[in-house]
Amino acid sequence: ASLAPSRMGLKTLLVTSNINNIGSMPCNTSIGGPAKGIIVREIDALGG
């Protein structure tokens, strides 16, 4: 949500309670899987 507008040229601010937790994986350390993996491919196709 913060990378998209900043890459599209907008002045963006990301506020988080702990900078060291950005992108953390508190549950399963996996990306993708049934249906979810296709979402990740779509995220890539849209510039994510």
ModelCIF file with pLDDT and N, C-alpha, C, O atoms, coordinates in Angstrom:
data_MODEL
#
_entry.id   MODEL 
#
_entity.id                         1 
_entity.type                       polymer 
_entity.pdbx_number_of_molecules   1 
#
_entity_poly.entity_id                      1 
_entity_poly.type                           'polypeptide(L)' 
_entity_poly.nstd_linkage                   no 
_entity_poly.nstd_monomer                   no 
_entity_poly.pdbx_seq_one_letter_code       ASLAPSRMGLKTLLVTSNINNIGSMPCNTSIGGPAKGIIVREIDALGG 
_entity_poly.pdbx_seq_one_letter_code_can   ASLAPSRMGLKTLLVTSNINNIGSMPCNTSIGGPAKGIIVREIDALGG 
_entity_poly.pdbx_strand_id                 A 
#
loop_
_entity_poly_seq.entity_id 
_entity_poly_seq.num 
_entity_poly_seq.mon_id 
_entity_poly_seq.hetero 
1 1  ALA n 
1 2  SER n 
1 3  LEU n 
1 4  ALA n 
1 5  PRO n 
1 6  SER n 
1 7  ARG n 
1 8  MET n 
1 9  GLY n 
1 10 LEU n 
1 11 LYS n 
1 12 THR n 
1 13 LEU n 
1 14 LEU n 
1 15 VAL n 
1 16 THR n 
1 17 SER n 
1 18 ASN n 
1 19 ILE n 
1 20 ASN n 
1 21 ASN n 
1 22 ILE n 
1 23 GLY n 
1 24 SER n 
1 25 MET n 
1 26 PRO n 
1 27 CYS n 
1 28 ASN n 
1 29 THR n 
1 30 SER n 
1 31 ILE n 
1 32 GLY n 
1 33 GLY n 
1 34 PRO n 
1 35 ALA n 
1 36 LYS n 
1 37 GLY n 
1 38 ILE n 
1 39 ILE n 
1 40 VAL n 
1 41 ARG n 
1 42 GLU n 
1 43 ILE n 
1 44 ASP n 
1 45 ALA n 
1 46 LEU n 
1 47 GLY n 
1 48 GLY n 
#
_struct_asym.id          A 
_struct_asym.entity_id   1 
#
loop_
_ma_qa_metric.id 
_ma_qa_metric.mode 
_ma_qa_metric.name 
_ma_qa_metric.software_group_id 
_ma_qa_metric.type 
1 global pLDDT . pLDDT 
2 local  pLDDT . pLDDT 
#
_ma_qa_metric_global.metric_id      1 
_ma_qa_metric_global.metric_value   96.75 
_ma_qa_metric_global.model_id       1 
_ma_qa_metric_global.ordinal_id     1 
#
loop_
_ma_qa_metric_local.label_asym_id 
_ma_qa_metric_local.label_comp_id 
_ma_qa_metric_local.label_seq_id 
_ma_qa_metric_local.metric_id 
_ma_qa_metric_local.metric_value 
_ma_qa_metric_local.model_id 
_ma_qa_metric_local.ordinal_id 
A ALA 1  2 98.00 1 1  
A SER 2  2 98.00 1 2  
A LEU 3  2 98.00 1 3  
A ALA 4  2 98.00 1 4  
A PRO 5  2 98.00 1 5  
A SER 6  2 98.00 1 6  
A ARG 7  2 98.00 1 7  
A MET 8  2 98.00 1 8  
A GLY 9  2 98.00 1 9  
A LEU 10 2 98.00 1 10 
A LYS 11 2 98.00 1 11 
A THR 12 2 98.00 1 12 
A LEU 13 2 98.00 1 13 
A LEU 14 2 98.00 1 14 
A VAL 15 2 98.00 1 15 
A THR 16 2 97.00 1 16 
A SER 17 2 95.00 1 17 
A ASN 18 2 95.00 1 18 
A ILE 19 2 96.00 1 19 
A ASN 20 2 95.00 1 20 
A ASN 21 2 95.00 1 21 
A ILE 22 2 97.00 1 22 
A GLY 23 2 97.00 1 23 
A SER 24 2 96.00 1 24 
A MET 25 2 95.00 1 25 
A PRO 26 2 91.00 1 26 
A CYS 27 2 90.00 1 27 
A ASN 28 2 91.00 1 28 
A THR 29 2 92.00 1 29 
A SER 30 2 96.00 1 30 
A ILE 31 2 98.00 1 31 
A GLY 32 2 98.00 1 32 
A GLY 33 2 96.00 1 33 
A PRO 34 2 95.00 1 34 
A ALA 35 2 96.00 1 35 
A LYS 36 2 98.00 1 36 
A GLY 37 2 98.00 1 37 
A ILE 38 2 98.00 1 38 
A ILE 39 2 98.00 1 39 
A VAL 40 2 98.00 1 40 
A ARG 41 2 98.00 1 41 
A GLU 42 2 98.00 1 42 
A ILE 43 2 98.00 1 43 
A ASP 44 2 98.00 1 44 
A ALA 45 2 98.00 1 45 
A LEU 46 2 98.00 1 46 
A GLY 47 2 97.00 1 47 
A GLY 48 2 98.00 1 48 
#
loop_
_atom_site.group_PDB 
_atom_site.id 
_atom_site.type_symbol 
_atom_site.label_atom_id 
_atom_site.label_alt_id 
_atom_site.label_comp_id 
_atom_site.label_asym_id 
_atom_site.label_entity_id 
_atom_site.label_seq_id 
_atom_site.pdbx_PDB_ins_code 
_atom_site.Cartn_x 
_atom_site.Cartn_y 
_atom_site.Cartn_z 
_atom_site.occupancy 
_atom_site.B_iso_or_equiv 
_atom_site.pdbx_formal_charge 
_atom_site.auth_seq_id 
_atom_site.auth_comp_id 
_atom_site.auth_asym_id 
_atom_site.auth_atom_id 
_atom_site.pdbx_PDB_model_num 
ATOM 1   N N  . ALA A 1 1  ? 0.819  -1.215  0.000   1.00 98.00 ? 1  ALA A N  1 
ATOM 2   C CA . ALA A 1 1  ? 0.000  0.000   0.000   1.00 98.00 ? 1  ALA A CA 1 
ATOM 3   C C  . ALA A 1 1  ? 0.848  1.258   0.000   1.00 98.00 ? 1  ALA A C  1 
ATOM 4   O O  . ALA A 1 1  ? 0.415  2.292   -0.508  1.00 98.00 ? 1  ALA A O  1 
ATOM 5   N N  . SER A 1 2  ? 2.053  1.188   0.563   1.00 98.00 ? 2  SER A N  1 
ATOM 6   C CA . SER A 1 2  ? 2.936  2.363   0.593   1.00 98.00 ? 2  SER A CA 1 
ATOM 7   C C  . SER A 1 2  ? 3.859  2.417   -0.620  1.00 98.00 ? 2  SER A C  1 
ATOM 8   O O  . SER A 1 2  ? 4.186  3.504   -1.096  1.00 98.00 ? 2  SER A O  1 
ATOM 9   N N  . LEU A 1 3  ? 4.280  1.268   -1.122  1.00 98.00 ? 3  LEU A N  1 
ATOM 10  C CA . LEU A 1 3  ? 5.166  1.271   -2.287  1.00 98.00 ? 3  LEU A CA 1 
ATOM 11  C C  . LEU A 1 3  ? 4.439  1.720   -3.549  1.00 98.00 ? 3  LEU A C  1 
ATOM 12  O O  . LEU A 1 3  ? 5.012  2.429   -4.376  1.00 98.00 ? 3  LEU A O  1 
ATOM 13  N N  . ALA A 1 4  ? 3.179  1.311   -3.700  1.00 98.00 ? 4  ALA A N  1 
ATOM 14  C CA . ALA A 1 4  ? 2.440  1.633   -4.927  1.00 98.00 ? 4  ALA A CA 1 
ATOM 15  C C  . ALA A 1 4  ? 2.328  3.137   -5.163  1.00 98.00 ? 4  ALA A C  1 
ATOM 16  O O  . ALA A 1 4  ? 2.734  3.602   -6.228  1.00 98.00 ? 4  ALA A O  1 
ATOM 17  N N  . PRO A 1 5  ? 1.792  3.930   -4.210  1.00 98.00 ? 5  PRO A N  1 
ATOM 18  C CA . PRO A 1 5  ? 1.695  5.372   -4.474  1.00 98.00 ? 5  PRO A CA 1 
ATOM 19  C C  . PRO A 1 5  ? 3.042  6.066   -4.579  1.00 98.00 ? 5  PRO A C  1 
ATOM 20  O O  . PRO A 1 5  ? 3.196  6.999   -5.368  1.00 98.00 ? 5  PRO A O  1 
ATOM 21  N N  . SER A 1 6  ? 4.021  5.624   -3.792  1.00 98.00 ? 6  SER A N  1 
ATOM 22  C CA . SER A 1 6  ? 5.338  6.273   -3.874  1.00 98.00 ? 6  SER A CA 1 
ATOM 23  C C  . SER A 1 6  ? 5.987  6.002   -5.217  1.00 98.00 ? 6  SER A C  1 
ATOM 24  O O  . SER A 1 6  ? 6.659  6.876   -5.764  1.00 98.00 ? 6  SER A O  1 
ATOM 25  N N  . ARG A 1 7  ? 5.797  4.803   -5.760  1.00 98.00 ? 7  ARG A N  1 
ATOM 26  C CA . ARG A 1 7  ? 6.343  4.490   -7.075  1.00 98.00 ? 7  ARG A CA 1 
ATOM 27  C C  . ARG A 1 7  ? 5.569  5.200   -8.190  1.00 98.00 ? 7  ARG A C  1 
ATOM 28  O O  . ARG A 1 7  ? 6.089  5.404   -9.287  1.00 98.00 ? 7  ARG A O  1 
ATOM 29  N N  . MET A 1 8  ? 4.322  5.573   -7.894  1.00 98.00 ? 8  MET A N  1 
ATOM 30  C CA . MET A 1 8  ? 3.510  6.314   -8.859  1.00 98.00 ? 8  MET A CA 1 
ATOM 31  C C  . MET A 1 8  ? 3.682  7.822   -8.703  1.00 98.00 ? 8  MET A C  1 
ATOM 32  O O  . MET A 1 8  ? 2.956  8.607   -9.315  1.00 98.00 ? 8  MET A O  1 
ATOM 33  N N  . GLY A 1 9  ? 4.676  8.228   -7.855  1.00 98.00 ? 9  GLY A N  1 
ATOM 34  C CA . GLY A 1 9  ? 5.060  9.632   -7.779  1.00 98.00 ? 9  GLY A CA 1 
ATOM 35  C C  . GLY A 1 9  ? 4.408  10.444  -6.693  1.00 98.00 ? 9  GLY A C  1 
ATOM 36  O O  . GLY A 1 9  ? 4.572  11.664  -6.661  1.00 98.00 ? 9  GLY A O  1 
ATOM 37  N N  . LEU A 1 10 ? 3.658  9.796   -5.782  1.00 98.00 ? 10 LEU A N  1 
ATOM 38  C CA . LEU A 1 10 ? 2.974  10.527  -4.724  1.00 98.00 ? 10 LEU A CA 1 
ATOM 39  C C  . LEU A 1 10 ? 3.803  10.558  -3.448  1.00 98.00 ? 10 LEU A C  1 
ATOM 40  O O  . LEU A 1 10 ? 4.539  9.618   -3.146  1.00 98.00 ? 10 LEU A O  1 
ATOM 41  N N  . LYS A 1 11 ? 3.672  11.649  -2.707  1.00 98.00 ? 11 LYS A N  1 
ATOM 42  C CA . LYS A 1 11 ? 4.355  11.794  -1.422  1.00 98.00 ? 11 LYS A CA 1 
ATOM 43  C C  . LYS A 1 11 ? 3.638  10.922  -0.400  1.00 98.00 ? 11 LYS A C  1 
ATOM 44  O O  . LYS A 1 11 ? 2.473  11.157  -0.078  1.00 98.00 ? 11 LYS A O  1 
ATOM 45  N N  . THR A 1 12 ? 4.342  9.916   0.107   1.00 98.00 ? 12 THR A N  1 
ATOM 46  C CA . THR A 1 12 ? 3.715  8.870   0.920   1.00 98.00 ? 12 THR A CA 1 
ATOM 47  C C  . THR A 1 12 ? 4.421  8.742   2.267   1.00 98.00 ? 12 THR A C  1 
ATOM 48  O O  . THR A 1 12 ? 5.635  8.918   2.370   1.00 98.00 ? 12 THR A O  1 
ATOM 49  N N  . LEU A 1 13 ? 3.631  8.433   3.299   1.00 98.00 ? 13 LEU A N  1 
ATOM 50  C CA . LEU A 1 13 ? 4.164  8.201   4.645   1.00 98.00 ? 13 LEU A CA 1 
ATOM 51  C C  . LEU A 1 13 ? 3.685  6.847   5.140   1.00 98.00 ? 13 LEU A C  1 
ATOM 52  O O  . LEU A 1 13 ? 2.494  6.543   5.078   1.00 98.00 ? 13 LEU A O  1 
ATOM 53  N N  . LEU A 1 14 ? 4.605  6.039   5.628   1.00 98.00 ? 14 LEU A N  1 
ATOM 54  C CA . LEU A 1 14 ? 4.272  4.768   6.267   1.00 98.00 ? 14 LEU A CA 1 
ATOM 55  C C  . LEU A 1 14 ? 4.505  4.902   7.766   1.00 98.00 ? 14 LEU A C  1 
ATOM 56  O O  . LEU A 1 14 ? 5.620  5.184   8.205   1.00 98.00 ? 14 LEU A O  1 
ATOM 57  N N  . VAL A 1 15 ? 3.449  4.700   8.549   1.00 98.00 ? 15 VAL A N  1 
ATOM 58  C CA . VAL A 1 15 ? 3.534  4.764   10.013  1.00 98.00 ? 15 VAL A CA 1 
ATOM 59  C C  . VAL A 1 15 ? 3.397  3.343   10.552  1.00 98.00 ? 15 VAL A C  1 
ATOM 60  O O  . VAL A 1 15 ? 2.407  2.668   10.273  1.00 98.00 ? 15 VAL A O  1 
ATOM 61  N N  . THR A 1 16 ? 4.366  2.895   11.307  1.00 97.00 ? 16 THR A N  1 
ATOM 62  C CA . THR A 1 16 ? 4.321  1.546   11.869  1.00 97.00 ? 16 THR A CA 1 
ATOM 63  C C  . THR A 1 16 ? 4.824  1.574   13.310  1.00 97.00 ? 16 THR A C  1 
ATOM 64  O O  . THR A 1 16 ? 5.669  2.397   13.664  1.00 97.00 ? 16 THR A O  1 
ATOM 65  N N  . SER A 1 17 ? 4.306  0.684   14.129  1.00 95.00 ? 17 SER A N  1 
ATOM 66  C CA . SER A 1 17 ? 4.661  0.695   15.549  1.00 95.00 ? 17 SER A CA 1 
ATOM 67  C C  . SER A 1 17 ? 6.087  0.221   15.793  1.00 95.00 ? 17 SER A C  1 
ATOM 68  O O  . SER A 1 17 ? 6.682  0.552   16.819  1.00 95.00 ? 17 SER A O  1 
ATOM 69  N N  . ASN A 1 18 ? 6.643  -0.554  14.856  1.00 95.00 ? 18 ASN A N  1 
ATOM 70  C CA . ASN A 1 18 ? 8.000  -1.071  15.015  1.00 95.00 ? 18 ASN A CA 1 
ATOM 71  C C  . ASN A 1 18 ? 8.614  -1.263  13.635  1.00 95.00 ? 18 ASN A C  1 
ATOM 72  O O  . ASN A 1 18 ? 8.238  -2.179  12.903  1.00 95.00 ? 18 ASN A O  1 
ATOM 73  N N  . ILE A 1 19 ? 9.549  -0.405  13.287  1.00 96.00 ? 19 ILE A N  1 
ATOM 74  C CA . ILE A 1 19 ? 10.169 -0.465  11.964  1.00 96.00 ? 19 ILE A CA 1 
ATOM 75  C C  . ILE A 1 19 ? 10.850 -1.810  11.718  1.00 96.00 ? 19 ILE A C  1 
ATOM 76  O O  . ILE A 1 19 ? 10.893 -2.286  10.584  1.00 96.00 ? 19 ILE A O  1 
ATOM 77  N N  . ASN A 1 20 ? 11.375 -2.419  12.767  1.00 95.00 ? 20 ASN A N  1 
ATOM 78  C CA . ASN A 1 20 ? 12.049 -3.712  12.624  1.00 95.00 ? 20 ASN A CA 1 
ATOM 79  C C  . ASN A 1 20 ? 11.090 -4.858  12.337  1.00 95.00 ? 20 ASN A C  1 
ATOM 80  O O  . ASN A 1 20 ? 11.518 -5.972  12.033  1.00 95.00 ? 20 ASN A O  1 
ATOM 81  N N  . ASN A 1 21 ? 9.789  -4.583  12.433  1.00 95.00 ? 21 ASN A N  1 
ATOM 82  C CA . ASN A 1 21 ? 8.792  -5.618  12.162  1.00 95.00 ? 21 ASN A CA 1 
ATOM 83  C C  . ASN A 1 21 ? 8.173  -5.490  10.776  1.00 95.00 ? 21 ASN A C  1 
ATOM 84  O O  . ASN A 1 21 ? 7.274  -6.256  10.430  1.00 95.00 ? 21 ASN A O  1 
ATOM 85  N N  . ILE A 1 22 ? 8.634  -4.542  9.984   1.00 97.00 ? 22 ILE A N  1 
ATOM 86  C CA . ILE A 1 22 ? 8.118  -4.422  8.620   1.00 97.00 ? 22 ILE A CA 1 
ATOM 87  C C  . ILE A 1 22 ? 8.388  -5.711  7.852   1.00 97.00 ? 22 ILE A C  1 
ATOM 88  O O  . ILE A 1 22 ? 9.527  -6.172  7.781   1.00 97.00 ? 22 ILE A O  1 
ATOM 89  N N  . GLY A 1 23 ? 7.343  -6.285  7.282   1.00 97.00 ? 23 GLY A N  1 
ATOM 90  C CA . GLY A 1 23 ? 7.485  -7.517  6.514   1.00 97.00 ? 23 GLY A CA 1 
ATOM 91  C C  . GLY A 1 23 ? 7.662  -8.766  7.350   1.00 97.00 ? 23 GLY A C  1 
ATOM 92  O O  . GLY A 1 23 ? 8.051  -9.810  6.827   1.00 97.00 ? 23 GLY A O  1 
ATOM 93  N N  . SER A 1 24 ? 7.381  -8.676  8.652   1.00 96.00 ? 24 SER A N  1 
ATOM 94  C CA . SER A 1 24 ? 7.588  -9.840  9.521   1.00 96.00 ? 24 SER A CA 1 
ATOM 95  C C  . SER A 1 24 ? 6.588  -10.949 9.207   1.00 96.00 ? 24 SER A C  1 
ATOM 96  O O  . SER A 1 24 ? 5.533  -10.707 8.621   1.00 96.00 ? 24 SER A O  1 
ATOM 97  N N  . MET A 1 25 ? 6.938  -12.160 9.604   1.00 95.00 ? 25 MET A N  1 
ATOM 98  C CA . MET A 1 25 ? 6.105  -13.333 9.366   1.00 95.00 ? 25 MET A CA 1 
ATOM 99  C C  . MET A 1 25 ? 5.818  -14.009 10.699  1.00 95.00 ? 25 MET A C  1 
ATOM 100 O O  . MET A 1 25 ? 6.485  -14.982 11.050  1.00 95.00 ? 25 MET A O  1 
ATOM 101 N N  . PRO A 1 26 ? 4.828  -13.506 11.455  1.00 91.00 ? 26 PRO A N  1 
ATOM 102 C CA . PRO A 1 26 ? 4.552  -14.071 12.782  1.00 91.00 ? 26 PRO A CA 1 
ATOM 103 C C  . PRO A 1 26 ? 3.956  -15.467 12.732  1.00 91.00 ? 26 PRO A C  1 
ATOM 104 O O  . PRO A 1 26 ? 3.996  -16.192 13.726  1.00 91.00 ? 26 PRO A O  1 
ATOM 105 N N  . CYS A 1 27 ? 3.400  -15.854 11.583  1.00 90.00 ? 27 CYS A N  1 
ATOM 106 C CA . CYS A 1 27 ? 2.857  -17.206 11.455  1.00 90.00 ? 27 CYS A CA 1 
ATOM 107 C C  . CYS A 1 27 ? 3.736  -17.993 10.481  1.00 90.00 ? 27 CYS A C  1 
ATOM 108 O O  . CYS A 1 27 ? 4.960  -17.979 10.612  1.00 90.00 ? 27 CYS A O  1 
ATOM 109 N N  . ASN A 1 28 ? 3.145  -18.664 9.529   1.00 91.00 ? 28 ASN A N  1 
ATOM 110 C CA . ASN A 1 28 ? 3.913  -19.518 8.631   1.00 91.00 ? 28 ASN A CA 1 
ATOM 111 C C  . ASN A 1 28 ? 4.876  -18.709 7.767   1.00 91.00 ? 28 ASN A C  1 
ATOM 112 O O  . ASN A 1 28 ? 4.517  -17.658 7.237   1.00 91.00 ? 28 ASN A O  1 
ATOM 113 N N  . THR A 1 29 ? 6.089  -19.205 7.632   1.00 92.00 ? 29 THR A N  1 
ATOM 114 C CA . THR A 1 29 ? 7.078  -18.508 6.801   1.00 92.00 ? 29 THR A CA 1 
ATOM 115 C C  . THR A 1 29 ? 6.993  -19.019 5.364   1.00 92.00 ? 29 THR A C  1 
ATOM 116 O O  . THR A 1 29 ? 7.982  -19.489 4.801   1.00 92.00 ? 29 THR A O  1 
ATOM 117 N N  . SER A 1 30 ? 5.810  -18.922 4.786   1.00 96.00 ? 30 SER A N  1 
ATOM 118 C CA . SER A 1 30 ? 5.639  -19.349 3.398   1.00 96.00 ? 30 SER A CA 1 
ATOM 119 C C  . SER A 1 30 ? 4.936  -18.258 2.611   1.00 96.00 ? 30 SER A C  1 
ATOM 120 O O  . SER A 1 30 ? 4.183  -17.457 3.165   1.00 96.00 ? 30 SER A O  1 
ATOM 121 N N  . ILE A 1 31 ? 5.192  -18.240 1.317   1.00 98.00 ? 31 ILE A N  1 
ATOM 122 C CA . ILE A 1 31 ? 4.533  -17.347 0.381   1.00 98.00 ? 31 ILE A CA 1 
ATOM 123 C C  . ILE A 1 31 ? 3.951  -18.199 -0.733  1.00 98.00 ? 31 ILE A C  1 
ATOM 124 O O  . ILE A 1 31 ? 4.650  -19.025 -1.321  1.00 98.00 ? 31 ILE A O  1 
ATOM 125 N N  . GLY A 1 32 ? 2.666  -17.996 -1.024  1.00 98.00 ? 32 GLY A N  1 
ATOM 126 C CA . GLY A 1 32 ? 2.022  -18.741 -2.098  1.00 98.00 ? 32 GLY A CA 1 
ATOM 127 C C  . GLY A 1 32 ? 1.236  -19.931 -1.586  1.00 98.00 ? 32 GLY A C  1 
ATOM 128 O O  . GLY A 1 32 ? 0.791  -19.949 -0.438  1.00 98.00 ? 32 GLY A O  1 
ATOM 129 N N  . GLY A 1 33 ? 1.070  -20.925 -2.444  1.00 96.00 ? 33 GLY A N  1 
ATOM 130 C CA . GLY A 1 33 ? 0.213  -22.065 -2.139  1.00 96.00 ? 33 GLY A CA 1 
ATOM 131 C C  . GLY A 1 33 ? -1.021 -22.029 -3.026  1.00 96.00 ? 33 GLY A C  1 
ATOM 132 O O  . GLY A 1 33 ? -1.138 -21.145 -3.874  1.00 96.00 ? 33 GLY A O  1 
ATOM 133 N N  . PRO A 1 34 ? -1.942 -22.966 -2.851  1.00 95.00 ? 34 PRO A N  1 
ATOM 134 C CA . PRO A 1 34 ? -3.139 -23.009 -3.698  1.00 95.00 ? 34 PRO A CA 1 
ATOM 135 C C  . PRO A 1 34 ? -3.871 -21.668 -3.724  1.00 95.00 ? 34 PRO A C  1 
ATOM 136 O O  . PRO A 1 34 ? -4.196 -21.117 -2.672  1.00 95.00 ? 34 PRO A O  1 
ATOM 137 N N  . ALA A 1 35 ? -4.126 -21.155 -4.900  1.00 96.00 ? 35 ALA A N  1 
ATOM 138 C CA . ALA A 1 35 ? -4.797 -19.866 -5.140  1.00 96.00 ? 35 ALA A CA 1 
ATOM 139 C C  . ALA A 1 35 ? -3.924 -18.688 -4.689  1.00 96.00 ? 35 ALA A C  1 
ATOM 140 O O  . ALA A 1 35 ? -3.804 -17.702 -5.416  1.00 96.00 ? 35 ALA A O  1 
ATOM 141 N N  . LYS A 1 36 ? -3.320 -18.776 -3.511  1.00 98.00 ? 36 LYS A N  1 
ATOM 142 C CA . LYS A 1 36 ? -2.492 -17.691 -2.982  1.00 98.00 ? 36 LYS A CA 1 
ATOM 143 C C  . LYS A 1 36 ? -1.286 -17.424 -3.889  1.00 98.00 ? 36 LYS A C  1 
ATOM 144 O O  . LYS A 1 36 ? -0.906 -16.271 -4.095  1.00 98.00 ? 36 LYS A O  1 
ATOM 145 N N  . GLY A 1 37 ? -0.690 -18.486 -4.426  1.00 98.00 ? 37 GLY A N  1 
ATOM 146 C CA . GLY A 1 37 ? 0.453  -18.316 -5.310  1.00 98.00 ? 37 GLY A CA 1 
ATOM 147 C C  . GLY A 1 37 ? 0.087  -17.539 -6.567  1.00 98.00 ? 37 GLY A C  1 
ATOM 148 O O  . GLY A 1 37 ? 0.905  -16.792 -7.103  1.00 98.00 ? 37 GLY A O  1 
ATOM 149 N N  . ILE A 1 38 ? -1.147 -17.718 -7.035  1.00 98.00 ? 38 ILE A N  1 
ATOM 150 C CA . ILE A 1 38 ? -1.602 -16.981 -8.213  1.00 98.00 ? 38 ILE A CA 1 
ATOM 151 C C  . ILE A 1 38 ? -1.783 -15.504 -7.863  1.00 98.00 ? 38 ILE A C  1 
ATOM 152 O O  . ILE A 1 38 ? -1.504 -14.633 -8.687  1.00 98.00 ? 38 ILE A O  1 
ATOM 153 N N  . ILE A 1 39 ? -2.246 -15.221 -6.650  1.00 98.00 ? 39 ILE A N  1 
ATOM 154 C CA . ILE A 1 39 ? -2.330 -13.826 -6.194  1.00 98.00 ? 39 ILE A CA 1 
ATOM 155 C C  . ILE A 1 39 ? -0.950 -13.174 -6.236  1.00 98.00 ? 39 ILE A C  1 
ATOM 156 O O  . ILE A 1 39 ? -0.820 -12.024 -6.656  1.00 98.00 ? 39 ILE A O  1 
ATOM 157 N N  . VAL A 1 40 ? 0.079  -13.902 -5.803  1.00 98.00 ? 40 VAL A N  1 
ATOM 158 C CA . VAL A 1 40 ? 1.433  -13.336 -5.795  1.00 98.00 ? 40 VAL A CA 1 
ATOM 159 C C  . VAL A 1 40 ? 1.904  -13.048 -7.223  1.00 98.00 ? 40 VAL A C  1 
ATOM 160 O O  . VAL A 1 40 ? 2.570  -12.042 -7.463  1.00 98.00 ? 40 VAL A O  1 
ATOM 161 N N  . ARG A 1 41 ? 1.564  -13.919 -8.160  1.00 98.00 ? 41 ARG A N  1 
ATOM 162 C CA . ARG A 1 41 ? 1.892  -13.668 -9.568  1.00 98.00 ? 41 ARG A CA 1 
ATOM 163 C C  . ARG A 1 41 ? 1.171  -12.423 -10.080 1.00 98.00 ? 41 ARG A C  1 
ATOM 164 O O  . ARG A 1 41 ? 1.725  -11.653 -10.866 1.00 98.00 ? 41 ARG A O  1 
ATOM 165 N N  . GLU A 1 42 ? -0.064 -12.234 -9.630  1.00 98.00 ? 42 GLU A N  1 
ATOM 166 C CA . GLU A 1 42 ? -0.835 -11.051 -10.036 1.00 98.00 ? 42 GLU A CA 1 
ATOM 167 C C  . GLU A 1 42 ? -0.247 -9.785  -9.423  1.00 98.00 ? 42 GLU A C  1 
ATOM 168 O O  . GLU A 1 42 ? -0.192 -8.738  -10.068 1.00 98.00 ? 42 GLU A O  1 
ATOM 169 N N  . ILE A 1 43 ? 0.191  -9.892  -8.172  1.00 98.00 ? 43 ILE A N  1 
ATOM 170 C CA . ILE A 1 43 ? 0.866  -8.760  -7.527  1.00 98.00 ? 43 ILE A CA 1 
ATOM 171 C C  . ILE A 1 43 ? 2.084  -8.349  -8.348  1.00 98.00 ? 43 ILE A C  1 
ATOM 172 O O  . ILE A 1 43 ? 2.337  -7.159  -8.539  1.00 98.00 ? 43 ILE A O  1 
ATOM 173 N N  . ASP A 1 44 ? 2.832  -9.328  -8.830  1.00 98.00 ? 44 ASP A N  1 
ATOM 174 C CA . ASP A 1 44 ? 4.006  -9.033  -9.641  1.00 98.00 ? 44 ASP A CA 1 
ATOM 175 C C  . ASP A 1 44 ? 3.620  -8.380  -10.956 1.00 98.00 ? 44 ASP A C  1 
ATOM 176 O O  . ASP A 1 44 ? 4.248  -7.409  -11.377 1.00 98.00 ? 44 ASP A O  1 
ATOM 177 N N  . ALA A 1 45 ? 2.586  -8.908  -11.610 1.00 98.00 ? 45 ALA A N  1 
ATOM 178 C CA . ALA A 1 45 ? 2.158  -8.368  -12.896 1.00 98.00 ? 45 ALA A CA 1 
ATOM 179 C C  . ALA A 1 45 ? 1.690  -6.925  -12.769 1.00 98.00 ? 45 ALA A C  1 
ATOM 180 O O  . ALA A 1 45 ? 1.775  -6.159  -13.729 1.00 98.00 ? 45 ALA A O  1 
ATOM 181 N N  . LEU A 1 46 ? 1.195  -6.545  -11.583 1.00 98.00 ? 46 LEU A N  1 
ATOM 182 C CA . LEU A 1 46 ? 0.713  -5.184  -11.336 1.00 98.00 ? 46 LEU A CA 1 
ATOM 183 C C  . LEU A 1 46 ? 1.804  -4.270  -10.776 1.00 98.00 ? 46 LEU A C  1 
ATOM 184 O O  . LEU A 1 46 ? 1.547  -3.099  -10.497 1.00 98.00 ? 46 LEU A O  1 
ATOM 185 N N  . GLY A 1 47 ? 3.010  -4.794  -10.612 1.00 97.00 ? 47 GLY A N  1 
ATOM 186 C CA . GLY A 1 47 ? 4.126  -3.959  -10.166 1.00 97.00 ? 47 GLY A CA 1 
ATOM 187 C C  . GLY A 1 47 ? 4.420  -4.023  -8.684  1.00 97.00 ? 47 GLY A C  1 
ATOM 188 O O  . GLY A 1 47 ? 5.148  -3.175  -8.166  1.00 97.00 ? 47 GLY A O  1 
ATOM 189 N N  . GLY A 1 48 ? 3.868  -5.017  -7.980  1.00 98.00 ? 48 GLY A N  1 
ATOM 190 C CA . GLY A 1 48 ? 4.078  -5.144  -6.545  1.00 98.00 ? 48 GLY A CA 1 
ATOM 191 C C  . GLY A 1 48 ? 5.419  -5.756  -6.185  1.00 98.00 ? 48 GLY A C  1 
ATOM 192 O O  . GLY A 1 48 ? 5.726  -5.921  -5.005  1.00 98.00 ? 48 GLY A O  1 
#
